[in-house]
Amino acid sequence: MNKRKTVAVFFGGCSAEYTVSLQSAGAVIRSIDKDRYQLVLIGMNHSFGTWLWYRGSIESIEDDSWEQKSECVQVFASFDKKVHGL
C-alpha cells in the first residue's frame, strides 16, 4: 500500500508580505506531487491573524478571495505533545 504523506502549506499572515505569501503558496501548491503528498492548506487572515483550514481552489488563494469562501473552517494548532494536529 502506497500511503501519501501529509504536508501542511501555511500562507497569509498579518505582515506587509501577505500578498507575496499568497502567490508563493500558489506556486508551492501547484508544484507539489499530489500523488505522493496530501496537502492541508492553512491560511492566516490578514486582519486578525485567524487560522483557517482552507479546502478551495488555488486560484482563490492567489487572487485573495480565499477567506470569503465557505471552504474555510477556523482551526487552532495543538502544542500538546499528546495531541498532534489541528
PDB file of N, CA and C in Angstrom:
ATOM      1  N   MET A   1       0.840  -1.178   0.000  1.00  0.00           N
ATOM      2  CA  MET A   1       0.000   0.000   0.000  1.00  0.00           C
ATOM      3  C   MET A   1       0.888   1.245   0.000  1.00  0.00           C
ATOM      4  N   ASN A   2       0.607   2.166  -0.885  1.00  0.00           N
ATOM      5  CA  ASN A   2       1.400   3.384  -1.007  1.00  0.00           C
ATOM      6  C   ASN A   2       0.631   4.542  -0.379  1.00  0.00           C
ATOM      7  N   LYS A   3       0.916   4.843   0.870  1.00  0.00           N
ATOM      8  CA  LYS A   3       0.216   5.911   1.584  1.00  0.00           C
ATOM      9  C   LYS A   3       0.906   7.249   1.344  1.00  0.00           C
ATOM     10  N   ARG A   4       0.116   8.252   0.996  1.00  0.00           N
ATOM     11  CA  ARG A   4       0.672   9.590   0.784  1.00  0.00           C
ATOM     12  C   ARG A   4       0.979  10.242   2.127  1.00  0.00           C
ATOM     13  N   LYS A   5       2.063  10.995   2.157  1.00  0.00           N
ATOM     14  CA  LYS A   5       2.409  11.779   3.340  1.00  0.00           C
ATOM     15  C   LYS A   5       1.578  13.050   3.324  1.00  0.00           C
ATOM     16  N   THR A   6       1.255  13.535   4.506  1.00  0.00           N
ATOM     17  CA  THR A   6       0.504  14.781   4.626  1.00  0.00           C
ATOM     18  C   THR A   6       1.461  15.934   4.837  1.00  0.00           C
ATOM     19  N   VAL A   7       1.254  16.999   4.058  1.00  0.00           N
ATOM     20  CA  VAL A   7       2.081  18.196   4.142  1.00  0.00           C
ATOM     21  C   VAL A   7       1.162  19.392   4.341  1.00  0.00           C
ATOM     22  N   ALA A   8       1.460  20.224   5.338  1.00  0.00           N
ATOM     23  CA  ALA A   8       0.696  21.451   5.559  1.00  0.00           C
ATOM     24  C   ALA A   8       1.380  22.601   4.834  1.00  0.00           C
ATOM     25  N   VAL A   9       0.585  23.387   4.138  1.00  0.00           N
ATOM     26  CA  VAL A   9       1.076  24.597   3.479  1.00  0.00           C
ATOM     27  C   VAL A   9       0.408  25.766   4.188  1.00  0.00           C
ATOM     28  N   PHE A  10       1.221  26.594   4.833  1.00  0.00           N
ATOM     29  CA  PHE A  10       0.726  27.773   5.540  1.00  0.00           C
ATOM     30  C   PHE A  10       0.909  28.990   4.653  1.00  0.00           C
ATOM     31  N   PHE A  11      -0.080  29.868   4.649  1.00  0.00           N
ATOM     32  CA  PHE A  11       0.005  31.079   3.830  1.00  0.00           C
ATOM     33  C   PHE A  11      -0.755  32.216   4.503  1.00  0.00           C
ATOM     34  N   GLY A  12      -0.495  33.426   4.027  1.00  0.00           N
ATOM     35  CA  GLY A  12      -1.168  34.610   4.570  1.00  0.00           C
ATOM     36  C   GLY A  12      -0.372  35.221   5.704  1.00  0.00           C
ATOM     37  N   GLY A  13      -1.076  35.803   6.655  1.00  0.00           N
ATOM     38  CA  GLY A  13      -0.440  36.418   7.811  1.00  0.00           C
ATOM     39  C   GLY A  13      -0.808  37.881   7.944  1.00  0.00           C
ATOM     40  N   CYS A  14      -0.281  38.497   8.981  1.00  0.00           N
ATOM     41  CA  CYS A  14      -0.619  39.884   9.302  1.00  0.00           C
ATOM     42  C   CYS A  14       0.421  40.892   8.832  1.00  0.00           C
ATOM     43  N   SER A  15       1.428  40.444   8.120  1.00  0.00           N
ATOM     44  CA  SER A  15       2.506  41.352   7.726  1.00  0.00           C
ATOM     45  C   SER A  15       2.236  42.002   6.374  1.00  0.00           C
ATOM     46  N   ALA A  16       3.116  42.902   5.996  1.00  0.00           N
ATOM     47  CA  ALA A  16       3.046  43.560   4.695  1.00  0.00           C
ATOM     48  C   ALA A  16       3.321  42.587   3.553  1.00  0.00           C
ATOM     49  N   GLU A  17       3.856  41.414   3.868  1.00  0.00           N
ATOM     50  CA  GLU A  17       4.184  40.400   2.861  1.00  0.00           C
ATOM     51  C   GLU A  17       3.023  39.440   2.599  1.00  0.00           C
ATOM     52  N   TYR A  18       1.842  39.797   3.054  1.00  0.00           N
ATOM     53  CA  TYR A  18       0.661  38.941   2.912  1.00  0.00           C
ATOM     54  C   TYR A  18       0.441  38.505   1.461  1.00  0.00           C
ATOM     55  N   THR A  19       0.404  39.428   0.524  1.00  0.00           N
ATOM     56  CA  THR A  19       0.119  39.075  -0.872  1.00  0.00           C
ATOM     57  C   THR A  19       1.239  38.231  -1.484  1.00  0.00           C
ATOM     58  N   VAL A  20       2.482  38.487  -1.069  1.00  0.00           N
ATOM     59  CA  VAL A  20       3.605  37.673  -1.540  1.00  0.00           C
ATOM     60  C   VAL A  20       3.426  36.243  -1.051  1.00  0.00           C
ATOM     61  N   SER A  21       2.977  36.078   0.182  1.00  0.00           N
ATOM     62  CA  SER A  21       2.751  34.759   0.747  1.00  0.00           C
ATOM     63  C   SER A  21       1.688  33.997  -0.038  1.00  0.00           C
ATOM     64  N   LEU A  22       0.638  34.685  -0.466  1.00  0.00           N
ATOM     65  CA  LEU A  22      -0.418  34.029  -1.237  1.00  0.00           C
ATOM     66  C   LEU A  22       0.116  33.532  -2.579  1.00  0.00           C
ATOM     67  N   GLN A  23       0.921  34.360  -3.240  1.00  0.00           N
ATOM     68  CA  GLN A  23       1.491  33.960  -4.528  1.00  0.00           C
ATOM     69  C   GLN A  23       2.485  32.808  -4.356  1.00  0.00           C
ATOM     70  N   SER A  24       3.283  32.868  -3.304  1.00  0.00           N
ATOM     71  CA  SER A  24       4.246  31.794  -3.031  1.00  0.00           C
ATOM     72  C   SER A  24       3.526  30.489  -2.730  1.00  0.00           C
ATOM     73  N   ALA A  25       2.463  30.566  -1.939  1.00  0.00           N
ATOM     74  CA  ALA A  25       1.688  29.366  -1.620  1.00  0.00           C
ATOM     75  C   ALA A  25       1.109  28.752  -2.891  1.00  0.00           C
ATOM     76  N   GLY A  26       0.587  29.586  -3.772  1.00  0.00           N
ATOM     77  CA  GLY A  26       0.046  29.084  -5.032  1.00  0.00           C
ATOM     78  C   GLY A  26       1.094  28.327  -5.826  1.00  0.00           C
ATOM     79  N   ALA A  27       2.291  28.879  -5.895  1.00  0.00           N
ATOM     80  CA  ALA A  27       3.376  28.229  -6.641  1.00  0.00           C
ATOM     81  C   ALA A  27       3.768  26.906  -5.998  1.00  0.00           C
ATOM     82  N   VAL A  28       3.842  26.872  -4.678  1.00  0.00           N
ATOM     83  CA  VAL A  28       4.207  25.642  -3.963  1.00  0.00           C
ATOM     84  C   VAL A  28       3.129  24.582  -4.161  1.00  0.00           C
ATOM     85  N   ILE A  29       1.871  24.967  -4.002  1.00  0.00           N
ATOM     86  CA  ILE A  29       0.758  24.022  -4.132  1.00  0.00           C
ATOM     87  C   ILE A  29       0.724  23.418  -5.537  1.00  0.00           C
ATOM     88  N   ARG A  30       0.955  24.242  -6.539  1.00  0.00           N
ATOM     89  CA  ARG A  30       0.939  23.750  -7.921  1.00  0.00           C
ATOM     90  C   ARG A  30       2.101  22.790  -8.200  1.00  0.00           C
ATOM     91  N   SER A  31       3.222  23.004  -7.545  1.00  0.00           N
ATOM     92  CA  SER A  31       4.415  22.204  -7.867  1.00  0.00           C
ATOM     93  C   SER A  31       4.533  20.894  -7.080  1.00  0.00           C
ATOM     94  N   ILE A  32       3.795  20.739  -6.006  1.00  0.00           N
ATOM     95  CA  ILE A  32       3.885  19.523  -5.192  1.00  0.00           C
ATOM     96  C   ILE A  32       3.187  18.364  -5.900  1.00  0.00           C
ATOM     97  N   ASP A  33       3.835  17.212  -5.881  1.00  0.00           N
ATOM     98  CA  ASP A  33       3.302  15.994  -6.493  1.00  0.00           C
ATOM     99  C   ASP A  33       2.136  15.475  -5.651  1.00  0.00           C
ATOM    100  N   LYS A  34       0.916  15.646  -6.152  1.00  0.00           N
ATOM    101  CA  LYS A  34      -0.291  15.262  -5.406  1.00  0.00           C
ATOM    102  C   LYS A  34      -0.432  13.740  -5.283  1.00  0.00           C
ATOM    103  N   ASP A  35       0.290  12.987  -6.114  1.00  0.00           N
ATOM    104  CA  ASP A  35       0.260  11.527  -5.981  1.00  0.00           C
ATOM    105  C   ASP A  35       1.072  11.059  -4.779  1.00  0.00           C
ATOM    106  N   ARG A  36       2.032  11.854  -4.365  1.00  0.00           N
ATOM    107  CA  ARG A  36       2.894  11.499  -3.232  1.00  0.00           C
ATOM    108  C   ARG A  36       2.497  12.192  -1.937  1.00  0.00           C
ATOM    109  N   TYR A  37       1.840  13.359  -2.046  1.00  0.00           N
ATOM    110  CA  TYR A  37       1.549  14.162  -0.859  1.00  0.00           C
ATOM    111  C   TYR A  37       0.093  14.604  -0.827  1.00  0.00           C
ATOM    112  N   GLN A  38      -0.479  14.503   0.353  1.00  0.00           N
ATOM    113  CA  GLN A  38      -1.810  15.039   0.607  1.00  0.00           C
ATOM    114  C   GLN A  38      -1.612  16.407   1.245  1.00  0.00           C
ATOM    115  N   LEU A  39      -2.210  17.438   0.695  1.00  0.00           N
ATOM    116  CA  LEU A  39      -1.994  18.794   1.198  1.00  0.00           C
ATOM    117  C   LEU A  39      -3.088  19.217   2.167  1.00  0.00           C
ATOM    118  N   VAL A  40      -2.676  19.897   3.215  1.00  0.00           N
ATOM    119  CA  VAL A  40      -3.579  20.570   4.139  1.00  0.00           C
ATOM    120  C   VAL A  40      -3.213  22.048   4.040  1.00  0.00           C
ATOM    121  N   LEU A  41      -4.167  22.863   3.616  1.00  0.00           N
ATOM    122  CA  LEU A  41      -3.905  24.287   3.395  1.00  0.00           C
ATOM    123  C   LEU A  41      -4.425  25.097   4.574  1.00  0.00           C
ATOM    124  N   ILE A  42      -3.528  25.840   5.199  1.00  0.00           N
ATOM    125  CA  ILE A  42      -3.873  26.655   6.357  1.00  0.00           C
ATOM    126  C   ILE A  42      -3.529  28.111   6.041  1.00  0.00           C
ATOM    127  N   GLY A  43      -4.559  28.941   5.977  1.00  0.00           N
ATOM    128  CA  GLY A  43      -4.354  30.359   5.718  1.00  0.00           C
ATOM    129  C   GLY A  43      -4.531  31.169   6.978  1.00  0.00           C
ATOM    130  N   MET A  44      -3.764  32.250   7.075  1.00  0.00           N
ATOM    131  CA  MET A  44      -3.926  33.166   8.199  1.00  0.00           C
ATOM    132  C   MET A  44      -4.555  34.451   7.686  1.00  0.00           C
ATOM    133  N   ASN A  45      -5.663  34.804   8.286  1.00  0.00           N
ATOM    134  CA  ASN A  45      -6.390  36.023   7.954  1.00  0.00           C
ATOM    135  C   ASN A  45      -5.477  37.243   8.112  1.00  0.00           C
ATOM    136  N   HIS A  46      -5.529  38.165   7.165  1.00  0.00           N
ATOM    137  CA  HIS A  46      -4.661  39.349   7.175  1.00  0.00           C
ATOM    138  C   HIS A  46      -5.015  40.312   8.304  1.00  0.00           C
ATOM    139  N   SER A  47      -6.290  40.479   8.588  1.00  0.00           N
ATOM    140  CA  SER A  47      -6.721  41.480   9.567  1.00  0.00           C
ATOM    141  C   SER A  47      -6.553  41.047  11.015  1.00  0.00           C
ATOM    142  N   PHE A  48      -6.925  39.805  11.314  1.00  0.00           N
ATOM    143  CA  PHE A  48      -6.994  39.376  12.707  1.00  0.00           C
ATOM    144  C   PHE A  48      -6.022  38.272  13.088  1.00  0.00           C
ATOM    145  N   GLY A  49      -5.368  37.666  12.110  1.00  0.00           N
ATOM    146  CA  GLY A  49      -4.451  36.574  12.404  1.00  0.00           C
ATOM    147  C   GLY A  49      -5.152  35.264  12.713  1.00  0.00           C
ATOM    148  N   THR A  50      -6.398  35.142  12.294  1.00  0.00           N
ATOM    149  CA  THR A  50      -7.166  33.916  12.499  1.00  0.00           C
ATOM    150  C   THR A  50      -6.656  32.832  11.563  1.00  0.00           C
ATOM    151  N   TRP A  51      -6.460  31.613  12.081  1.00  0.00           N
ATOM    152  CA  TRP A  51      -6.018  30.492  11.251  1.00  0.00           C
ATOM    153  C   TRP A  51      -7.241  29.778  10.692  1.00  0.00           C
ATOM    154  N   LEU A  52      -7.224  29.529   9.382  1.00  0.00           N
ATOM    155  CA  LEU A  52      -8.354  28.896   8.714  1.00  0.00           C
ATOM    156  C   LEU A  52      -7.885  27.729   7.866  1.00  0.00           C
ATOM    157  N   TRP A  53      -8.523  26.584   8.041  1.00  0.00           N
ATOM    158  CA  TRP A  53      -8.286  25.426   7.180  1.00  0.00           C
ATOM    159  C   TRP A  53      -9.063  25.694   5.907  1.00  0.00           C
ATOM    160  N   TYR A  54      -8.360  25.733   4.790  1.00  0.00           N
ATOM    161  CA  TYR A  54      -8.961  26.096   3.510  1.00  0.00           C
ATOM    162  C   TYR A  54      -8.975  24.894   2.591  1.00  0.00           C
ATOM    163  N   ARG A  55     -10.138  24.623   1.973  1.00  0.00           N
ATOM    164  CA  ARG A  55     -10.285  23.470   1.088  1.00  0.00           C
ATOM    165  C   ARG A  55     -10.781  23.863  -0.294  1.00  0.00           C
ATOM    166  N   GLY A  56     -10.477  25.072  -0.712  1.00  0.00           N
ATOM    167  CA  GLY A  56     -10.947  25.549  -2.004  1.00  0.00           C
ATOM    168  C   GLY A  56      -9.861  25.554  -3.060  1.00  0.00           C
ATOM    169  N   SER A  57     -10.059  26.374  -4.063  1.00  0.00           N
ATOM    170  CA  SER A  57      -9.168  26.401  -5.225  1.00  0.00           C
ATOM    171  C   SER A  57      -7.885  27.201  -4.971  1.00  0.00           C
ATOM    172  N   ILE A  58      -6.873  26.844  -5.727  1.00  0.00           N
ATOM    173  CA  ILE A  58      -5.601  27.573  -5.671  1.00  0.00           C
ATOM    174  C   ILE A  58      -5.800  28.995  -6.181  1.00  0.00           C
ATOM    175  N   GLU A  59      -6.623  29.144  -7.193  1.00  0.00           N
ATOM    176  CA  GLU A  59      -6.882  30.472  -7.777  1.00  0.00           C
ATOM    177  C   GLU A  59      -7.440  31.448  -6.747  1.00  0.00           C
ATOM    178  N   SER A  60      -8.281  30.947  -5.849  1.00  0.00           N
ATOM    179  CA  SER A  60      -8.847  31.822  -4.811  1.00  0.00           C
ATOM    180  C   SER A  60      -7.801  32.257  -3.798  1.00  0.00           C
ATOM    181  N   ILE A  61      -6.783  31.443  -3.603  1.00  0.00           N
ATOM    182  CA  ILE A  61      -5.661  31.880  -2.753  1.00  0.00           C
ATOM    183  C   ILE A  61      -4.912  32.991  -3.477  1.00  0.00           C
ATOM    184  N   GLU A  62      -4.579  32.757  -4.717  1.00  0.00           N
ATOM    185  CA  GLU A  62      -3.765  33.704  -5.480  1.00  0.00           C
ATOM    186  C   GLU A  62      -4.462  35.042  -5.712  1.00  0.00           C
ATOM    187  N   ASP A  63      -5.793  35.038  -5.857  1.00  0.00           N
ATOM    188  CA  ASP A  63      -6.482  36.320  -6.077  1.00  0.00           C
ATOM    189  C   ASP A  63      -7.062  36.905  -4.780  1.00  0.00           C
ATOM    190  N   ASP A  64      -6.685  36.320  -3.646  1.00  0.00           N
ATOM    191  CA  ASP A  64      -7.051  36.793  -2.306  1.00  0.00           C
ATOM    192  C   ASP A  64      -8.558  36.816  -2.054  1.00  0.00           C
ATOM    193  N   SER A  65      -9.263  35.851  -2.620  1.00  0.00           N
ATOM    194  CA  SER A  65     -10.684  35.713  -2.299  1.00  0.00           C
ATOM    195  C   SER A  65     -10.936  34.449  -1.480  1.00  0.00           C
ATOM    196  N   TRP A  66      -9.856  33.805  -1.045  1.00  0.00           N
ATOM    197  CA  TRP A  66      -9.946  32.514  -0.373  1.00  0.00           C
ATOM    198  C   TRP A  66     -10.757  32.545   0.912  1.00  0.00           C
ATOM    199  N   GLU A  67     -10.630  33.596   1.711  1.00  0.00           N
ATOM    200  CA  GLU A  67     -11.293  33.557   3.015  1.00  0.00           C
ATOM    201  C   GLU A  67     -12.765  33.951   2.949  1.00  0.00           C
ATOM    202  N   GLN A  68     -13.240  34.400   1.802  1.00  0.00           N
ATOM    203  CA  GLN A  68     -14.664  34.673   1.624  1.00  0.00           C
ATOM    204  C   GLN A  68     -15.422  33.412   1.232  1.00  0.00           C
ATOM    205  N   LYS A  69     -14.742  32.331   1.060  1.00  0.00           N
ATOM    206  CA  LYS A  69     -15.344  31.080   0.603  1.00  0.00           C
ATOM    207  C   LYS A  69     -15.864  30.261   1.790  1.00  0.00           C
ATOM    208  N   SER A  70     -16.846  29.436   1.502  1.00  0.00           N
ATOM    209  CA  SER A  70     -17.404  28.564   2.548  1.00  0.00           C
ATOM    210  C   SER A  70     -16.481  27.391   2.854  1.00  0.00           C
ATOM    211  N   GLU A  71     -15.373  27.278   2.095  1.00  0.00           N
ATOM    212  CA  GLU A  71     -14.425  26.183   2.299  1.00  0.00           C
ATOM    213  C   GLU A  71     -13.481  26.423   3.474  1.00  0.00           C
ATOM    214  N   CYS A  72     -13.718  27.443   4.268  1.00  0.00           N
ATOM    215  CA  CYS A  72     -12.845  27.778   5.398  1.00  0.00           C
ATOM    216  C   CYS A  72     -13.467  27.340   6.726  1.00  0.00           C
ATOM    217  N   VAL A  73     -12.615  26.753   7.568  1.00  0.00           N
ATOM    218  CA  VAL A  73     -13.016  26.387   8.918  1.00  0.00           C
ATOM    219  C   VAL A  73     -11.915  26.861   9.850  1.00  0.00           C
ATOM    220  N   GLN A  74     -12.283  27.589  10.894  1.00  0.00           N
ATOM    221  CA  GLN A  74     -11.274  28.070  11.838  1.00  0.00           C
ATOM    222  C   GLN A  74     -10.627  26.890  12.548  1.00  0.00           C
ATOM    223  N   VAL A  75      -9.297  26.949  12.675  1.00  0.00           N
ATOM    224  CA  VAL A  75      -8.548  25.885  13.342  1.00  0.00           C
ATOM    225  C   VAL A  75      -7.593  26.487  14.370  1.00  0.00           C
ATOM    226  N   PHE A  76      -7.145  25.636  15.258  1.00  0.00           N
ATOM    227  CA  PHE A  76      -6.173  26.008  16.268  1.00  0.00           C
ATOM    228  C   PHE A  76      -5.089  24.939  16.287  1.00  0.00           C
ATOM    229  N   ALA A  77      -3.852  25.358  16.370  1.00  0.00           N
ATOM    230  CA  ALA A  77      -2.749  24.406  16.436  1.00  0.00           C
ATOM    231  C   ALA A  77      -2.656  23.846  17.847  1.00  0.00           C
ATOM    232  N   SER A  78      -2.406  22.547  17.944  1.00  0.00           N
ATOM    233  CA  SER A  78      -2.208  21.913  19.246  1.00  0.00           C
ATOM    234  C   SER A  78      -0.718  21.865  19.543  1.00  0.00           C
ATOM    235  N   PHE A  79      -0.338  22.404  20.671  1.00  0.00           N
ATOM    236  CA  PHE A  79       1.061  22.366  21.093  1.00  0.00           C
ATOM    237  C   PHE A  79       1.276  21.309  22.169  1.00  0.00           C
ATOM    238  N   ASP A  80       0.246  20.514  22.411  1.00  0.00           N
ATOM    239  CA  ASP A  80       0.298  19.412  23.361  1.00  0.00           C
ATOM    240  C   ASP A  80       1.030  18.242  22.724  1.00  0.00           C
ATOM    241  N   LYS A  81       2.008  17.671  23.408  1.00  0.00           N
ATOM    242  CA  LYS A  81       2.781  16.554  22.850  1.00  0.00           C
ATOM    243  C   LYS A  81       1.928  15.307  22.649  1.00  0.00           C
ATOM    244  N   LYS A  82       0.814  15.207  23.329  1.00  0.00           N
ATOM    245  CA  LYS A  82      -0.053  14.035  23.194  1.00  0.00           C
ATOM    246  C   LYS A  82      -1.094  14.199  22.083  1.00  0.00           C
ATOM    247  N   VAL A  83      -1.396  15.426  21.718  1.00  0.00           N
ATOM    248  CA  VAL A  83      -2.406  15.693  20.698  1.00  0.00           C
ATOM    249  C   VAL A  83      -1.739  16.391  19.533  1.00  0.00           C
ATOM    250  N   HIS A  84      -1.526  15.658  18.447  1.00  0.00           N
ATOM    251  CA  HIS A  84      -0.858  16.214  17.275  1.00  0.00           C
ATOM    252  C   HIS A  84      -1.904  16.697  16.276  1.00  0.00           C
ATOM    253  N   GLY A  85      -1.629  17.804  15.634  1.00  0.00           N
ATOM    254  CA  GLY A  85      -2.510  18.263  14.561  1.00  0.00           C
ATOM    255  C   GLY A  85      -3.225  19.543  14.902  1.00  0.00           C
ATOM    256  N   LEU A  86      -4.313  19.735  14.168  1.00  0.00           N
ATOM    257  CA  LEU A  86      -5.119  20.948  14.294  1.00  0.00           C
ATOM    258  C   LEU A  86      -6.441  20.628  14.941  1.00  0.00           C
TER     259      LEU A  86
END
